[in-house]
């Protein structure tokens, strides 16, 4: 993951208290040695957090679907071999 992704991932811990806002991002910046003003790197503010979560969920979903498709293909091939 990139530094940006690490910051966004850590900022998720602050979403319950600060919401899907730039405040959640600002809360973790000092841990990375960055000034709270560095939140400007995240031009879309809270939407950057939402987009990060959606991207991560999509990756996980793709991995799961691919695994299911492979498992089904193996099962189907195995069944066809016994006809």
Protein backbone atom coordinates (compact mmCIF):
# COMPACT_ATOMS: atom_id res chain seq x y z
CA UNK A 1 0.00 0.00 0.00
CA UNK A 2 1.06 3.56 -0.56
CA UNK A 3 1.59 6.14 2.18
CA UNK A 4 -1.72 7.68 1.16
CA UNK A 5 -3.51 4.32 1.53
CA UNK A 6 -1.88 3.73 4.92
CA UNK A 7 -3.04 7.13 6.13
CA UNK A 8 -6.58 6.51 4.89
CA UNK A 9 -6.64 3.03 6.42
CA UNK A 10 -5.55 4.41 9.79
CA UNK A 11 -8.02 7.31 9.52
CA UNK A 12 -10.87 4.80 9.45
CA UNK A 13 -10.33 4.25 13.17
CA UNK A 14 -11.40 7.88 13.71
CA UNK A 15 -14.56 7.74 11.59
CA UNK A 16 -16.81 6.75 14.54
CA UNK A 17 -15.76 9.89 16.44
CA UNK A 18 -15.10 12.36 13.63
CA UNK A 19 -17.26 11.03 10.80
CA UNK A 20 -16.29 10.64 7.16
CA UNK A 21 -14.46 13.95 7.24
CA UNK A 22 -11.07 15.51 6.77
CA UNK A 23 -10.90 15.61 10.60
CA UNK A 24 -10.50 11.83 10.63
CA UNK A 25 -7.61 12.14 8.18
CA UNK A 26 -6.00 14.98 10.15
CA UNK A 27 -6.09 12.87 13.30
CA UNK A 28 -3.54 10.39 11.93
CA UNK A 29 -1.18 12.72 10.10
CA UNK A 30 1.08 13.42 13.12
CA UNK A 31 1.72 9.66 13.46
CA UNK A 32 3.29 9.85 9.99
CA UNK A 33 5.36 12.89 10.85
CA UNK A 34 3.09 15.15 8.83
CA UNK A 35 1.52 18.43 9.81
CA UNK A 36 -2.27 18.50 10.19
CA UNK A 37 -2.17 20.99 7.29
CA UNK A 38 -1.06 18.06 5.12
CA UNK A 39 -4.71 17.06 4.90
CA UNK A 40 -4.67 19.18 1.73
CA UNK A 41 -3.05 16.17 0.07
CA UNK A 42 -6.53 14.69 0.30
CA UNK A 43 -8.36 17.21 -1.87
CA UNK A 44 -11.67 15.40 -1.64
CA UNK A 45 -11.62 15.25 2.15
CA UNK A 46 -14.00 12.66 3.54
CA UNK A 47 -14.82 11.37 0.08
CA UNK A 48 -11.22 10.13 -0.16
CA UNK A 49 -11.97 7.93 2.85
CA UNK A 50 -15.16 6.61 1.28
CA UNK A 51 -13.44 5.96 -2.05
CA UNK A 52 -10.64 4.10 -0.25
CA UNK A 53 -13.12 1.83 1.53
CA UNK A 54 -15.05 1.16 -1.67
CA UNK A 55 -11.83 0.34 -3.52
CA UNK A 56 -10.73 -2.08 -0.78
CA UNK A 57 -14.15 -3.75 -0.68
CA UNK A 58 -14.14 -4.14 -4.47
CA UNK A 59 -10.73 -5.81 -4.35
CA UNK A 60 -11.93 -8.23 -1.66
CA UNK A 61 -15.11 -8.96 -3.59
CA UNK A 62 -13.15 -9.67 -6.76
CA UNK A 63 -10.87 -12.07 -4.91
CA UNK A 64 -13.87 -13.90 -3.44
CA UNK A 65 -15.71 -14.11 -6.74
CA UNK A 66 -12.61 -15.39 -8.54
CA UNK A 67 -12.12 -18.04 -5.87
CA UNK A 68 -15.75 -19.13 -6.20
CA UNK A 69 -15.53 -19.28 -9.99
CA UNK A 70 -12.37 -21.39 -9.77
CA UNK A 71 -13.97 -23.71 -7.22
CA UNK A 72 -17.06 -24.11 -9.38
CA UNK A 73 -14.96 -24.76 -12.47
CA UNK A 74 -12.99 -27.45 -10.65
CA UNK A 75 -16.18 -29.06 -9.36
CA UNK A 76 -17.78 -28.96 -12.80
CA UNK A 77 -14.67 -30.46 -14.44
CA UNK A 78 -14.56 -33.16 -11.76
CA UNK A 79 -18.24 -34.02 -12.31
CA UNK A 80 -17.85 -34.14 -16.10
CA UNK A 81 -14.90 -36.54 -15.72
CA UNK A 82 -17.16 -39.06 -13.97
CA UNK A 83 -19.91 -39.13 -16.62
